[in-house]
């Protein structure tokens, strides 16, 4: 059986504090994208996540990028 390939692309919401609130916003974006594309994952699915951060020079100087 061929592998199913489902790709979701989202834009990360602007960072807000507290950090858990921001994480919930990310989760909401993912759920919305899943519903729009009718994508479903099972517990046995293996997922690959790619993150691309587009930061200006000044932003990259002020953010701890590896923790984003």
C-alpha atoms as a PDB file:
ATOM      1  CA  UNK A   1       0.000   0.000   0.000  1.00  0.00           C
ATOM      2  CA  UNK A   2       1.364   3.416  -0.950  1.00  0.00           C
ATOM      3  CA  UNK A   3       2.003   5.972   1.737  1.00  0.00           C
ATOM      4  CA  UNK A   4      -0.635   8.617   2.210  1.00  0.00           C
ATOM      5  CA  UNK A   5       0.781  12.088   1.917  1.00  0.00           C
ATOM      6  CA  UNK A   6      -1.061  14.928   3.530  1.00  0.00           C
ATOM      7  CA  UNK A   7       0.592  18.286   3.798  1.00  0.00           C
ATOM      8  CA  UNK A   8      -0.696  21.117   5.909  1.00  0.00           C
ATOM      9  CA  UNK A   9       0.729  24.600   5.651  1.00  0.00           C
ATOM     10  CA  UNK A  10      -0.060  27.205   8.265  1.00  0.00           C
ATOM     11  CA  UNK A  11       1.256  30.589   9.249  1.00  0.00           C
ATOM     12  CA  UNK A  12       2.266  30.766  12.862  1.00  0.00           C
ATOM     13  CA  UNK A  13       0.255  33.350  14.765  1.00  0.00           C
ATOM     14  CA  UNK A  14       2.114  36.298  16.217  1.00  0.00           C
ATOM     15  CA  UNK A  15       3.717  35.377  19.515  1.00  0.00           C
ATOM     16  CA  UNK A  16       1.683  36.260  22.591  1.00  0.00           C
ATOM     17  CA  UNK A  17       2.246  35.727  26.274  1.00  0.00           C
ATOM     18  CA  UNK A  18       1.801  33.592  28.171  1.00  0.00           C
ATOM     19  CA  UNK A  19       3.514  31.025  25.971  1.00  0.00           C
ATOM     20  CA  UNK A  20       0.735  28.443  26.440  1.00  0.00           C
ATOM     21  CA  UNK A  21      -1.771  30.856  24.946  1.00  0.00           C
ATOM     22  CA  UNK A  22       0.431  31.111  21.842  1.00  0.00           C
ATOM     23  CA  UNK A  23       0.687  27.319  21.650  1.00  0.00           C
ATOM     24  CA  UNK A  24      -3.104  27.059  21.766  1.00  0.00           C
ATOM     25  CA  UNK A  25      -3.339  29.542  18.887  1.00  0.00           C
ATOM     26  CA  UNK A  26      -0.958  27.365  16.858  1.00  0.00           C
ATOM     27  CA  UNK A  27      -3.081  24.313  17.640  1.00  0.00           C
ATOM     28  CA  UNK A  28      -6.215  26.148  16.477  1.00  0.00           C
ATOM     29  CA  UNK A  29      -4.486  27.035  13.179  1.00  0.00           C
ATOM     30  CA  UNK A  30      -3.547  23.391  12.607  1.00  0.00           C
ATOM     31  CA  UNK A  31      -7.059  22.130  13.386  1.00  0.00           C
ATOM     32  CA  UNK A  32      -8.569  24.717  11.034  1.00  0.00           C
ATOM     33  CA  UNK A  33      -6.172  23.717   8.233  1.00  0.00           C
ATOM     34  CA  UNK A  34      -6.999  20.028   8.793  1.00  0.00           C
ATOM     35  CA  UNK A  35     -10.711  20.684   8.497  1.00  0.00           C
ATOM     36  CA  UNK A  36     -10.350  22.813   5.379  1.00  0.00           C
ATOM     37  CA  UNK A  37      -8.307  20.114   3.598  1.00  0.00           C
ATOM     38  CA  UNK A  38     -10.195  17.177   5.132  1.00  0.00           C
ATOM     39  CA  UNK A  39      -6.943  15.701   6.422  1.00  0.00           C
ATOM     40  CA  UNK A  40      -7.048  13.021   9.102  1.00  0.00           C
ATOM     41  CA  UNK A  41      -4.183  11.326  10.868  1.00  0.00           C
ATOM     42  CA  UNK A  42      -4.176   8.023  12.720  1.00  0.00           C
ATOM     43  CA  UNK A  43      -2.126   7.132  15.781  1.00  0.00           C
ATOM     44  CA  UNK A  44       0.115   4.940  13.634  1.00  0.00           C
ATOM     45  CA  UNK A  45       0.903   7.722  11.139  1.00  0.00           C
ATOM     46  CA  UNK A  46       4.452   9.033  11.204  1.00  0.00           C
ATOM     47  CA  UNK A  47       4.607  12.776  10.837  1.00  0.00           C
ATOM     48  CA  UNK A  48       7.344  15.013   9.545  1.00  0.00           C
ATOM     49  CA  UNK A  49       7.215  18.649  10.573  1.00  0.00           C
ATOM     50  CA  UNK A  50       9.103  21.389   8.777  1.00  0.00           C
ATOM     51  CA  UNK A  51       9.211  24.883  10.203  1.00  0.00           C
ATOM     52  CA  UNK A  52      10.322  27.904   8.234  1.00  0.00           C
ATOM     53  CA  UNK A  53      10.751  31.104  10.211  1.00  0.00           C
ATOM     54  CA  UNK A  54      10.891  34.319   8.241  1.00  0.00           C
ATOM     55  CA  UNK A  55      12.460  36.869  10.550  1.00  0.00           C
ATOM     56  CA  UNK A  56      13.940  40.241   9.793  1.00  0.00           C
ATOM     57  CA  UNK A  57      17.485  40.924  10.968  1.00  0.00           C
ATOM     58  CA  UNK A  58      16.224  42.862  13.979  1.00  0.00           C
ATOM     59  CA  UNK A  59      13.774  40.088  14.905  1.00  0.00           C
ATOM     60  CA  UNK A  60      16.472  37.442  14.696  1.00  0.00           C
ATOM     61  CA  UNK A  61      18.592  39.482  17.112  1.00  0.00           C
ATOM     62  CA  UNK A  62      15.827  39.599  19.748  1.00  0.00           C
ATOM     63  CA  UNK A  63      14.305  36.126  19.594  1.00  0.00           C
ATOM     64  CA  UNK A  64      15.641  32.867  20.944  1.00  0.00           C
ATOM     65  CA  UNK A  65      15.078  31.122  17.603  1.00  0.00           C
ATOM     66  CA  UNK A  66      15.749  27.541  18.709  1.00  0.00           C
ATOM     67  CA  UNK A  67      12.947  27.857  21.277  1.00  0.00           C
ATOM     68  CA  UNK A  68      10.418  29.151  18.782  1.00  0.00           C
END
